[in-house]
Protein backbone atom coordinates (compact mmCIF):
# COMPACT_ATOMS: atom_id res chain seq x y z
CA MET A 1 -7.79 22.30 -2.30
CA LEU A 2 -11.88 22.36 -2.34
CA SER A 3 -13.36 23.54 -5.61
CA GLN A 4 -16.98 22.09 -5.33
CA LEU A 5 -19.22 21.00 -2.89
CA SER A 6 -22.74 19.52 -4.04
CA VAL A 7 -25.46 18.03 -1.52
CA LYS A 8 -29.21 16.84 -2.24
CA ASN A 9 -31.53 15.79 0.14
CA LEU A 10 -28.98 16.14 3.16
CA ALA A 11 -31.46 16.64 6.42
CA VAL A 12 -32.27 20.00 5.63
CA VAL A 13 -30.88 21.00 3.19
CA GLU A 14 -32.78 19.59 -0.39
CA LYS A 15 -29.91 20.63 -2.99
CA LEU A 16 -26.81 22.46 -3.05
CA ASP A 17 -24.09 24.03 -5.08
CA LEU A 18 -21.45 25.90 -4.03
CA SER A 19 -17.73 26.69 -5.35
CA PHE A 20 -14.98 27.51 -3.30
CA GLU A 21 -12.16 29.77 -4.00
CA THR A 22 -8.13 30.25 -2.89
CA GLY A 23 -7.79 32.18 0.83
CA MET A 24 -10.08 32.85 3.38
CA SER A 25 -14.43 31.76 2.98
CA ALA A 26 -15.96 32.75 5.57
CA VAL A 27 -19.28 30.59 6.59
CA THR A 28 -21.80 33.00 8.85
CA GLY A 29 -25.48 32.77 9.38
CA GLU A 30 -28.82 33.25 12.18
CA THR A 31 -28.57 30.62 15.11
CA GLY A 32 -29.91 27.63 13.93
CA ALA A 33 -29.51 27.88 10.53
CA GLY A 34 -27.35 25.06 9.64
CA LYS A 35 -24.36 26.23 9.21
CA SER A 36 -22.68 22.76 10.64
CA ILE A 37 -24.87 21.18 7.56
CA LEU A 38 -21.49 21.75 5.38
CA LEU A 39 -19.04 19.88 8.51
CA GLN A 40 -21.51 17.03 7.81
CA ALA A 41 -21.38 17.45 4.39
CA LEU A 42 -17.83 17.60 4.05
CA SER A 43 -17.56 14.59 6.93
CA LEU A 44 -19.18 12.42 5.22
CA VAL A 45 -16.66 12.69 1.81
CA LEU A 46 -14.09 12.02 3.93
CA GLY A 47 -15.38 8.98 4.86
CA VAL A 48 -17.29 9.24 8.58
CA ARG A 49 -19.32 6.56 8.87
CA ALA A 50 -23.17 7.57 8.05
CA ASP A 51 -26.22 7.69 9.80
CA SER A 52 -29.99 6.67 7.76
CA ASN A 53 -31.77 10.21 10.02
CA LEU A 54 -29.22 12.26 7.59
CA VAL A 55 -31.38 11.14 4.42
CA ARG A 56 -33.61 14.50 4.19
CA TYR A 57 -37.25 12.99 5.58
CA GLY A 58 -39.30 11.60 2.58
CA LYS A 59 -36.50 10.58 -0.19
CA ASP A 60 -34.99 7.47 -0.61
CA LYS A 61 -31.01 8.55 -0.94
CA ALA A 62 -28.88 11.67 0.53
CA ASP A 63 -25.47 12.02 -2.38
CA VAL A 64 -22.75 14.46 -1.11
CA SER A 65 -19.51 15.01 -3.63
CA ALA A 66 -17.06 17.34 -3.24
CA ALA A 67 -14.37 18.09 -5.93
CA PHE A 68 -10.87 18.94 -5.22
CA SER A 69 -8.10 20.32 -7.61
CA VAL A 70 -4.87 18.01 -7.01
CA ASN A 71 -2.86 19.39 -9.58
CA ASN A 72 0.25 20.54 -7.61
CA ASN A 73 -0.13 17.78 -4.17
CA LYS A 74 2.09 15.73 -5.61
CA THR A 75 1.11 13.43 -2.00
CA VAL A 76 -2.83 12.84 -3.15
CA GLN A 77 -1.67 12.23 -6.88
CA ASP A 78 0.81 9.31 -5.54
CA PHE A 79 -2.42 8.22 -3.28
CA LEU A 80 -4.33 8.41 -6.22
CA ILE A 81 -1.90 5.94 -8.26
CA GLU A 82 -1.23 3.75 -5.88
CA HIS A 83 -5.03 2.84 -6.03
CA SER A 84 -5.26 2.99 -9.36
CA LEU A 85 -8.11 6.63 -8.84
CA GLU A 86 -6.30 9.23 -10.83
CA ASP A 87 -7.88 10.95 -13.29
CA ASP A 88 -6.17 14.17 -14.86
CA GLY A 89 -5.37 15.83 -12.02
CA GLU A 90 -8.81 16.66 -10.20
CA CYS A 91 -10.13 14.03 -7.45
CA ILE A 92 -14.06 13.94 -6.64
CA LEU A 93 -15.20 12.12 -3.58
CA ARG A 94 -18.80 11.45 -3.56
CA ARG A 95 -20.89 9.39 -0.80
CA VAL A 96 -24.30 8.60 -1.26
CA ILE A 97 -26.30 7.23 1.63
CA SER A 98 -29.76 5.60 1.33
CA SER A 99 -32.59 5.77 3.80
CA ASP A 100 -32.35 2.01 4.86
CA GLY A 101 -28.92 2.97 6.32
CA ARG A 102 -26.40 1.73 3.60
CA SER A 103 -23.99 3.89 2.22
CA LYS A 104 -21.70 3.80 -0.50
CA ALA A 105 -18.20 6.02 -1.03
CA PHE A 106 -16.56 6.78 -4.75
CA ILE A 107 -13.92 8.32 -5.38
CA ASN A 108 -13.11 9.52 -9.03
CA GLY A 109 -16.50 6.99 -9.74
CA SER A 110 -14.54 3.75 -8.18
CA THR A 111 -16.55 2.10 -6.00
CA THR A 112 -14.08 2.03 -2.77
CA PRO A 113 -13.70 1.19 0.75
CA LEU A 114 -14.69 3.68 3.02
CA SER A 115 -10.73 2.87 4.91
CA ILE A 116 -9.49 4.55 1.88
CA MET A 117 -11.88 7.38 1.29
CA ARG A 118 -10.69 8.56 5.32
CA ALA A 119 -7.01 7.66 4.31
CA LEU A 120 -7.54 10.26 1.28
CA GLY A 121 -9.12 12.62 3.09
CA ASP A 122 -6.84 13.30 5.67
CA LEU A 123 -4.78 14.07 2.99
CA LEU A 124 -6.84 16.83 1.75
CA ILE A 125 -9.23 18.34 4.53
CA ASP A 126 -7.41 19.16 8.28
CA MET A 127 -10.59 20.35 10.23
CA HIS A 128 -10.27 21.92 13.62
CA GLY A 129 -14.20 22.23 15.09
CA GLN A 130 -15.17 21.91 18.47
CA ASN A 131 -16.94 18.50 18.07
CA GLU A 132 -15.27 17.13 14.62
CA HIS A 133 -12.63 14.38 15.05
CA GLN A 134 -8.74 16.06 14.96
CA LEU A 135 -5.70 15.53 13.57
CA LEU A 136 -4.09 17.30 16.12
CA LEU A 137 -5.24 15.21 18.97
CA ARG A 138 -3.01 11.96 17.43
CA ALA A 139 0.06 11.21 18.66
CA ASP A 140 1.04 10.17 15.68
CA GLN A 141 0.37 13.72 13.82
CA GLN A 142 1.97 15.74 17.22
CA LEU A 143 5.08 14.09 16.39
CA LEU A 144 4.70 14.79 12.82
CA LEU A 145 4.29 18.25 13.59
CA LEU A 146 7.23 19.17 16.00
CA ASP A 147 9.26 16.83 13.44
CA GLY A 148 8.14 19.32 10.71
CA PHE A 149 8.50 22.31 12.17
CA ALA A 150 12.44 21.27 13.52
CA GLN A 151 12.95 20.15 9.73
CA LEU A 152 13.75 16.37 10.99
CA GLU A 153 12.12 13.86 8.87
CA ASP A 154 15.05 13.41 7.27
CA ASP A 155 16.75 12.25 10.25
CA LYS A 156 14.33 9.74 11.13
CA ASN A 157 12.90 8.31 8.26
CA ALA A 158 17.42 7.30 8.85
CA ILE A 159 16.26 5.98 11.67
CA ASN A 160 12.70 4.33 10.75
CA ALA A 161 15.06 2.52 8.14
CA ILE A 162 17.51 1.07 10.87
CA VAL A 163 14.46 0.06 12.69
CA ARG A 164 13.27 -2.26 9.57
CA GLU A 165 16.25 -3.87 9.42
CA TYR A 166 16.61 -4.25 12.78
CA LYS A 167 13.23 -5.64 12.98
CA ASN A 168 13.83 -8.35 10.15
CA LEU A 169 16.99 -9.76 11.59
CA ASN A 170 15.37 -10.51 15.27
CA ASP A 171 12.59 -11.70 13.39
CA LYS A 172 14.50 -14.16 11.69
CA ILE A 173 16.71 -14.74 14.84
CA LYS A 174 13.15 -15.71 16.76
CA GLN A 175 12.33 -18.09 14.00
CA LEU A 176 15.13 -19.73 13.91
CA ALA A 177 15.34 -20.04 17.83
CA ASP A 178 11.28 -21.04 18.37
CA ASN A 179 12.46 -23.82 15.65
CA GLN A 180 15.19 -25.15 16.58
CA ASP A 181 14.11 -28.75 17.22
CA ILE A 182 11.97 -28.85 14.05
CA ILE A 183 15.33 -27.68 12.11
CA GLU A 184 17.72 -31.02 13.89
CA GLN A 185 14.56 -32.98 12.95
CA GLN A 186 15.01 -31.50 9.56
CA GLN A 187 18.80 -31.14 9.23
CA ALA A 188 18.85 -35.41 10.19
CA LEU A 189 16.12 -36.23 8.01
CA TYR A 190 18.00 -34.52 4.80
CA THR A 191 21.43 -35.65 5.92
CA HIS A 192 19.56 -39.18 5.76
CA GLN A 193 18.25 -39.05 2.87
CA LEU A 194 21.56 -37.27 0.97
CA GLU A 195 23.46 -40.08 2.39
CA GLU A 196 21.46 -42.83 1.08
CA LEU A 197 21.13 -40.74 -2.84
CA ASP A 198 25.08 -40.91 -2.76
CA ASP A 199 25.47 -44.40 -1.88
CA ALA A 200 23.00 -45.44 -4.70
CA MET A 201 25.80 -43.63 -7.06
CA LEU A 202 23.22 -42.37 -9.68
CA ASN A 203 24.60 -41.63 -12.98
CA GLN A 204 22.01 -39.56 -15.36
CA ALA A 205 22.81 -41.30 -18.44
CA GLU A 206 22.03 -44.68 -16.47
CA LEU A 207 18.99 -43.23 -14.90
CA ASP A 208 17.72 -42.54 -18.73
CA THR A 209 18.13 -45.83 -19.94
CA ILE A 210 18.06 -48.30 -16.83
CA GLU A 211 14.40 -48.85 -17.60
CA ALA A 212 15.05 -49.77 -21.61
CA ASP A 213 17.88 -51.73 -20.82
CA PHE A 214 16.00 -54.02 -18.37
CA LYS A 215 13.17 -54.57 -21.03
CA ILE A 216 15.99 -55.80 -23.64
CA SER A 217 17.80 -58.06 -21.28
CA ALA A 218 14.42 -59.27 -19.90
CA ASN A 219 13.69 -60.44 -23.01
CA SER A 220 17.47 -61.17 -24.37
CA GLN A 221 16.26 -65.26 -25.51
CA LEU A 222 13.36 -63.85 -27.57
CA ILE A 223 15.48 -61.29 -29.48
CA VAL A 224 17.74 -63.56 -30.16
CA GLU A 225 15.44 -66.50 -31.27
CA LYS A 226 13.43 -63.34 -34.10
CA VAL A 227 16.94 -62.19 -35.22
CA SER A 228 18.56 -65.32 -35.91
CA ASN A 229 15.86 -66.77 -37.99
CA VAL A 230 15.72 -63.24 -39.72
CA LEU A 231 19.58 -63.73 -40.33
CA SER A 232 19.40 -67.44 -41.74
CA GLN A 233 16.43 -66.71 -44.16
CA LEU A 234 18.85 -62.97 -45.29
CA GLU A 235 21.93 -66.00 -45.17
CA ALA A 236 20.73 -69.19 -46.59
CA GLU A 237 21.57 -71.10 -49.31
CA SER A 238 18.60 -70.35 -51.19
CA GLY A 239 17.72 -67.04 -49.12
CA VAL A 240 16.64 -63.80 -49.91
CA ASN A 241 20.17 -62.35 -50.39
CA SER A 242 21.55 -65.55 -52.55
CA GLN A 243 17.94 -64.37 -54.47
CA LEU A 244 18.79 -60.90 -54.39
CA LEU A 245 22.29 -61.72 -56.57
CA THR A 246 20.82 -64.10 -59.15
CA LEU A 247 18.00 -61.30 -60.10
CA ASN A 248 21.06 -58.87 -60.68
CA THR A 249 22.92 -60.95 -62.45
CA GLN A 250 20.26 -62.03 -64.72
CA LEU A 251 18.71 -58.11 -65.13
CA SER A 252 22.54 -56.89 -65.34
CA GLU A 253 22.38 -59.63 -68.98
CA ALA A 254 18.87 -58.35 -69.98
CA LEU A 255 20.57 -54.58 -69.52
CA GLU A 256 23.15 -54.64 -71.80
CA ILE A 257 20.32 -55.55 -74.56
CA ASP A 258 18.13 -52.53 -73.67
CA GLU A 259 19.03 -49.98 -71.33
CA LYS A 260 15.41 -48.99 -70.67
CA LEU A 261 15.27 -51.72 -67.62
CA GLN A 262 18.43 -49.63 -65.80
CA THR A 263 15.73 -48.60 -62.95
CA GLY A 264 14.90 -51.46 -62.61
CA PHE A 265 18.14 -53.14 -62.29
CA ASP A 266 19.50 -50.03 -60.23
CA LEU A 267 16.20 -51.37 -57.75
CA VAL A 268 17.09 -54.89 -57.17
CA ASN A 269 21.04 -53.85 -56.85
CA SER A 270 20.21 -51.67 -54.18
CA ALA A 271 18.25 -54.35 -52.50
CA GLN A 272 20.47 -56.13 -52.75
CA LEU A 273 23.17 -54.09 -50.87
CA GLN A 274 20.98 -52.93 -47.88
CA SER A 275 20.35 -57.04 -47.82
CA GLN A 276 23.82 -57.41 -47.20
CA GLU A 277 23.97 -54.52 -44.99
CA ALA A 278 21.17 -56.16 -42.71
CA ILE A 279 22.89 -59.45 -42.51
CA TYR A 280 25.97 -57.34 -41.33
CA GLU A 281 24.06 -55.00 -38.65
CA LEU A 282 21.90 -58.21 -37.24
CA THR A 283 25.23 -60.47 -36.73
CA GLN A 284 27.03 -57.21 -34.94
CA TYR A 285 23.83 -56.87 -32.78
CA LEU A 286 23.99 -60.66 -31.62
CA SER A 287 27.24 -60.56 -31.02
CA LYS A 288 27.29 -56.92 -28.47
CA LEU A 289 23.95 -58.92 -27.14
CA SER A 290 26.09 -61.92 -26.31
CA SER A 291 29.17 -60.08 -24.89
CA ASP A 292 26.96 -57.97 -22.22
CA ASP A 293 28.23 -58.78 -19.07
CA GLN A 294 25.04 -57.52 -17.08
CA SER A 295 22.44 -60.11 -16.42
CA ALA A 296 18.11 -59.35 -16.80
CA GLU A 297 19.10 -60.68 -12.16
CA GLU A 298 21.35 -57.57 -12.24
CA ILE A 299 19.65 -55.20 -14.10
CA GLU A 300 16.22 -55.58 -11.96
CA GLU A 301 17.95 -55.41 -8.44
CA ARG A 302 19.24 -51.97 -9.58
CA ILE A 303 15.93 -51.04 -11.26
CA SER A 304 14.08 -52.06 -8.17
CA GLU A 305 16.69 -50.10 -5.89
CA LEU A 306 15.68 -46.83 -8.04
CA TYR A 307 12.31 -47.21 -7.76
CA GLY A 308 12.15 -47.49 -4.00
CA LEU A 309 14.00 -44.36 -4.12
CA GLY A 310 11.26 -42.95 -6.64
CA ARG A 311 8.28 -44.33 -4.27
CA LYS A 312 9.84 -42.33 -1.51
CA HIS A 313 10.46 -38.75 -2.78
CA ASN A 314 7.58 -39.34 -5.09
CA CYS A 315 9.63 -38.92 -8.61
CA GLN A 316 10.38 -40.49 -11.28
CA ILE A 317 13.20 -42.52 -11.65
CA GLU A 318 15.06 -40.11 -14.21
CA ALA A 319 14.57 -36.90 -11.68
CA LEU A 320 16.04 -38.79 -8.67
CA LEU A 321 19.71 -36.90 -9.52
CA THR A 322 17.50 -33.55 -9.39
CA VAL A 323 15.92 -34.44 -6.54
CA ARG A 324 19.25 -34.77 -4.65
CA ASP A 325 20.32 -31.60 -5.11
CA GLN A 326 17.34 -29.77 -3.88
CA ILE A 327 17.34 -31.78 -0.41
CA GLU A 328 21.04 -30.94 -0.80
CA GLN A 329 20.23 -27.03 -1.48
CA LYS A 330 17.76 -26.97 2.04
CA LEU A 331 20.48 -28.59 4.04
CA ASN A 332 22.63 -25.89 3.54
CA ASP A 333 19.65 -23.48 4.18
CA ILE A 334 19.07 -24.61 7.16
CA GLY A 335 22.39 -25.73 7.91
CA GLY A 336 24.02 -22.77 10.56
CA GLY A 337 22.04 -23.63 13.58
CA ALA A 338 23.06 -22.52 16.46
CA GLY A 339 26.19 -20.68 14.99
CA SER A 340 24.03 -18.32 13.45
CA ILE A 341 21.96 -17.14 15.99
CA GLU A 342 25.38 -16.38 17.42
CA GLN A 343 26.56 -14.71 14.68
CA MET A 344 23.07 -12.98 13.70
CA ASN A 345 23.16 -11.35 17.32
CA GLN A 346 26.42 -10.16 16.98
CA GLN A 347 25.10 -8.56 13.89
CA LEU A 348 22.27 -7.75 15.63
CA ASN A 349 23.49 -5.71 18.71
CA SER A 350 25.61 -3.55 15.65
CA ILE A 351 22.55 -2.51 14.51
CA ALA A 352 21.01 -1.46 17.70
CA GLY A 353 24.19 0.50 18.48
CA ARG A 354 24.38 2.17 14.99
CA TYR A 355 20.51 3.38 16.24
CA GLN A 356 21.21 5.03 19.08
CA ILE A 357 24.01 7.06 17.87
CA LYS A 358 21.66 8.49 15.32
CA ALA A 359 18.58 8.49 17.97
CA GLN A 360 20.33 10.65 20.66
CA ALA A 361 21.16 12.80 17.81
CA LEU A 362 17.55 13.00 16.90
CA SER A 363 16.20 13.69 20.63
CA LYS A 364 19.09 16.08 21.18
CA SER A 365 17.76 17.82 17.94
CA ARG A 366 13.97 17.49 19.42
CA ALA A 367 14.44 18.62 22.58
CA LYS A 368 15.60 21.70 21.10
CA LYS A 369 12.83 22.25 18.63
CA ALA A 370 10.33 21.50 21.37
CA GLN A 371 11.17 24.56 23.47
CA ALA A 372 11.11 26.27 20.65
CA LEU A 373 8.01 25.43 19.35
CA SER A 374 6.54 25.73 23.11
CA GLN A 375 7.07 29.58 23.37
CA LEU A 376 6.40 30.29 19.88
CA VAL A 377 2.38 28.94 20.10
CA THR A 378 2.58 30.36 23.81
CA ASP A 379 2.73 33.58 22.39
CA THR A 380 0.49 32.57 19.51
CA MET A 381 -1.95 31.91 21.88
CA GLN A 382 -2.23 34.70 24.37
CA GLU A 383 -2.41 36.87 21.45
CA LEU A 384 -5.72 34.88 20.61
CA GLY A 385 -7.19 35.91 23.90
CA MET A 386 -6.28 33.18 25.68
CA PRO A 387 -4.25 35.32 28.47
CA GLY A 388 -1.73 33.37 31.14
CA SER A 389 -2.10 29.86 28.82
CA GLU A 390 0.62 28.84 28.18
CA PHE A 391 1.92 25.23 25.36
CA LYS A 392 4.72 22.65 25.96
CA VAL A 393 5.44 19.41 23.69
CA GLY A 394 5.93 17.26 26.08
CA LEU A 395 8.80 14.45 25.11
CA ASN A 396 8.19 11.48 26.53
CA GLN A 397 11.29 8.73 26.91
CA LYS A 398 10.04 5.64 25.82
CA ILE A 399 11.64 1.97 27.08
CA ASP A 400 14.55 0.54 26.22
CA GLY A 401 15.49 -0.58 22.47
CA VAL A 402 15.15 0.26 19.21
CA HIS A 403 11.97 1.83 18.52
CA LEU A 404 10.63 4.12 14.82
CA ASN A 405 10.31 7.23 15.19
CA GLY A 406 12.84 7.58 18.24
CA ASN A 407 13.55 7.12 21.36
CA GLU A 408 10.96 9.61 22.39
CA SER A 409 6.83 10.11 22.10
CA VAL A 410 4.68 13.72 21.51
CA ASP A 411 2.82 14.74 23.94
CA PHE A 412 0.88 18.07 23.39
CA LEU A 413 0.41 19.46 26.64
CA VAL A 414 -1.57 22.85 27.55
CA LYS A 415 -2.52 24.70 30.61
CA THR A 416 -5.75 27.58 30.20
CA ASN A 417 -4.87 29.56 32.68
CA MET A 418 -1.96 30.74 35.34
CA GLY A 419 -1.59 28.36 38.44
CA GLN A 420 -3.17 25.52 36.05
CA ASP A 421 -1.26 22.36 35.63
CA PHE A 422 -0.10 21.36 32.19
CA ASN A 423 -2.93 18.55 30.82
CA PRO A 424 -2.61 16.83 27.31
CA LEU A 425 -3.99 18.37 24.69
CA LYS A 426 -6.61 15.48 24.09
CA LYS A 427 -8.01 16.31 27.96
CA VAL A 428 -8.85 20.28 26.98
CA ALA A 429 -12.35 21.12 28.05
CA SER A 430 -13.66 24.01 26.37
CA GLY A 431 -14.17 23.64 22.95
CA GLY A 432 -13.77 27.00 22.03
CA GLU A 433 -10.09 26.97 23.65
CA LEU A 434 -9.07 24.25 21.71
CA SER A 435 -10.14 25.54 18.21
CA ARG A 436 -7.81 28.50 19.10
CA ILE A 437 -5.15 26.30 20.41
CA SER A 438 -5.64 24.51 17.26
CA LEU A 439 -5.32 27.94 15.42
CA ALA A 440 -1.77 29.14 17.26
CA ILE A 441 -0.54 25.68 16.11
CA SER A 442 -1.74 25.88 12.71
CA VAL A 443 -0.63 29.80 12.53
CA VAL A 444 3.37 28.95 13.86
CA GLY A 445 3.71 25.29 12.04
CA SER A 446 1.97 26.19 8.51
CA ASN A 447 4.90 25.68 6.63
CA ASN A 448 4.16 22.02 7.55
CA GLU A 449 0.61 21.74 7.60
CA HIS A 450 0.24 18.45 5.25
CA THR A 451 -3.43 19.01 4.06
CA PRO A 452 -4.20 22.14 1.80
CA THR A 453 -7.62 22.87 2.99
CA LEU A 454 -7.93 23.81 6.79
CA ILE A 455 -11.37 24.24 8.77
CA PHE A 456 -11.60 25.74 11.28
CA ASP A 457 -15.19 25.26 13.33
CA GLU A 458 -16.28 28.74 15.84
CA VAL A 459 -12.57 29.29 16.89
CA ASP A 460 -14.25 32.67 18.47
CA VAL A 461 -16.03 30.61 21.21
CA GLY A 462 -15.66 33.65 24.02
CA ILE A 463 -13.40 35.84 22.75
CA SER A 464 -14.61 39.08 21.27
CA GLY A 465 -13.07 42.89 20.88
CA SER A 466 -9.68 43.28 19.46
CA VAL A 467 -8.94 39.70 20.22
CA ALA A 468 -11.37 38.31 17.51
CA GLU A 469 -9.45 41.14 15.44
CA VAL A 470 -6.58 39.30 16.21
CA VAL A 471 -8.04 35.84 15.19
CA GLY A 472 -9.14 37.20 11.82
CA ARG A 473 -5.84 38.21 11.09
CA LYS A 474 -3.84 34.92 12.04
CA LEU A 475 -6.81 33.30 9.80
CA GLN A 476 -5.82 35.78 6.36
CA GLU A 477 -2.64 35.45 6.91
CA LEU A 478 -3.13 31.42 7.30
CA ALA A 479 -4.68 31.93 3.92
CA GLY A 480 -2.11 32.78 2.70
CA LYS A 481 -0.56 29.57 1.60
CA TYR A 482 -4.09 27.35 2.54
CA GLN A 483 -7.38 27.41 2.07
CA ILE A 484 -9.74 28.27 4.80
CA LEU A 485 -12.58 27.95 5.34
CA CYS A 486 -13.96 29.32 9.08
CA ILE A 487 -17.30 28.92 10.48
CA THR A 488 -17.83 32.24 12.57
CA HIS A 489 -19.86 34.24 14.71
CA LEU A 490 -18.10 37.88 14.64
CA ALA A 491 -17.97 40.25 12.57
CA GLN A 492 -14.24 40.81 12.94
CA VAL A 493 -13.38 37.35 12.01
CA ALA A 494 -15.91 37.49 8.36
CA ALA A 495 -14.63 40.76 7.57
CA PHE A 496 -11.39 38.92 6.89
CA GLY A 497 -12.70 36.38 4.54
CA HIS A 498 -12.23 36.75 0.65
CA GLN A 499 -14.85 34.74 0.40
CA HIS A 500 -18.40 35.62 1.68
CA LEU A 501 -21.20 32.11 2.63
CA CYS A 502 -24.17 33.25 4.19
CA VAL A 503 -26.50 29.69 6.03
CA SER A 504 -30.08 30.85 5.90
CA LYS A 505 -33.27 28.74 6.67
CA SER A 506 -36.55 28.97 5.67
CA GLN A 507 -39.75 26.69 6.21
CA ASN A 508 -42.64 25.94 3.58
CA GLN A 509 -44.35 22.66 3.19
CA GLU A 510 -42.10 20.21 2.80
CA GLY A 511 -40.43 21.50 6.53
CA ALA A 512 -37.49 23.23 7.11
CA GLN A 513 -35.29 24.08 4.11
CA THR A 514 -31.34 25.50 4.43
CA THR A 515 -29.59 27.14 1.86
CA VAL A 516 -25.84 28.55 1.46
CA GLY A 517 -24.83 31.84 -1.07
CA GLN A 518 -22.12 33.78 -1.93
CA LEU A 519 -23.07 37.12 -0.94
CA SER A 520 -22.05 39.97 -3.05
CA GLU A 521 -20.26 43.00 -1.46
CA ALA A 522 -23.59 44.65 -0.70
CA GLN A 523 -24.95 41.68 0.79
CA ARG A 524 -21.61 40.95 2.48
CA VAL A 525 -21.61 44.76 4.23
CA ASP A 526 -25.53 44.01 5.46
CA GLU A 527 -24.35 40.37 6.79
CA VAL A 528 -21.83 42.42 8.72
CA ALA A 529 -23.64 44.63 10.13
CA ARG A 530 -26.70 42.13 11.15
CA ILE A 531 -23.94 40.22 13.37
CA LEU A 532 -22.81 43.68 14.26
CA GLY A 533 -26.10 44.96 15.36
CA GLY A 534 -28.47 42.07 15.42
CA SER A 535 -32.20 42.22 12.80
CA SER A 536 -32.31 46.05 12.93
CA ILE A 537 -29.56 46.88 10.40
CA THR A 538 -28.83 50.51 10.92
CA GLU A 539 -26.83 52.87 8.86
CA LYS A 540 -24.56 52.87 12.13
CA THR A 541 -24.04 49.44 11.56
CA ARG A 542 -23.56 49.30 8.08
CA ASN A 543 -20.96 52.08 8.27
CA ALA A 544 -19.26 50.02 10.56
CA ALA A 545 -19.36 46.97 8.81
CA GLU A 546 -17.77 48.25 5.52
CA GLU A 547 -14.62 50.21 7.27
CA MET A 548 -14.07 47.11 9.33
CA ILE A 549 -14.18 44.91 6.26
CA ALA A 550 -12.06 47.70 4.40
CA SER A 551 -9.63 47.80 7.40
CA SER A 552 -9.47 43.93 6.89
CA ARG A 553 -8.45 44.36 2.90
CA ALA A 554 -6.14 46.91 3.89
CA LEU A 555 -3.85 44.45 6.12
């Protein structure tokens, strides 16, 4: 609910701080005092476009902020969390308008796009005013109200889940059909590439070593020459190995005399053994190298083939098998072709069948509840001083197919006098009638309102007497479930408020200035008496006001 409104330098308001209570708040004041300034201020923090003319003359900027208590409003809390704007159960909307026409929007201190502020505002306040944008006039809101009244939200959500399933599959079918020529070209390309790689008989072990093998093969003559030279120096009659053997013998004889030569003997002995091992390994290496039957020419031819494939697929030789598997997967992904489209179309028809079963059941329920809602709103409208008026929920059949929210759209229709035709609610000319129709729908569907605060701007236009009392009673009844703000010119309506705010205007050197204050009990009696009797308040009108207020509390 709305708990606080602060306004600074907005039009005729220099500074204003208001606290709002639960229940119904009545707003009154002299004609021209500036009662609409409250709606202007709230509209700004709900995201409407700003005009630099709203900035008070001589000031640089206007500043409006509204605080809402959202502890018990899970929808708003989820919205704030989704947009990373949560702040411990509080929601503060702020709007700053500069005299140069620029404006900034804030939610809980964070700069926010107006689109987000408007979306949040739709969850916080619903304005039923003569000149305000009203959710009630929107087709989607009318559908929401009917389905809420009929308790069909779960059925509608189930249908929408089927519609999304249908749409996703249909999009895939269209994409396949539109790209069939491209798909066939891709299939041909991938098939050719896969065959080419398979013909190359790739082996990962070969891919990992072939470049090293080619290097060895290409330099085998040099390797043989170098290794043979080393072997000759190790194995010659006076070679390294022979010399190490002689040294080993001489140290062995000296060791028998002095044991301190043991370490030196062990090192020479180890060197000789390693020399002997080296001779064996190098001999084996030359033997294996000479027995390799794959020539350098063959290896060069093979590596040239693999390099060509690598360039074609923009990869290293070692990655050719991985590329081959990727191509095979791509071919499998698009391999369905026309057969897949046919299967998808069969599946699509099955989904459409499931949709129609549920949609027809929803249509039947809607038609039944639409009649009930029409009669209840009609009865309430006539109680609110609109004799001969009627309300009807129109259900318009959509073209054949699968549609979000079912097979029909909703249009609220009214006729305000007997003998007239029904017209869409959005075409009702009288602002006062529109406000009372909105009130009637809100009362009937109060269990299904999606906003915690409802604002009614002059719902009493064109009515008086006992009908005005009915309007006040209906608003007070609605205030048992929602916070109500009602701007009114009638004492019979104002008397039903749990809180009474009075708007007044004064003149000073800086120009006109509007203020809004909460009235005490005594002040409230005087204000209701003023509305009843004009500027001259008599004892008689004061007594009538006291009786009217007391009577409203007794209900």
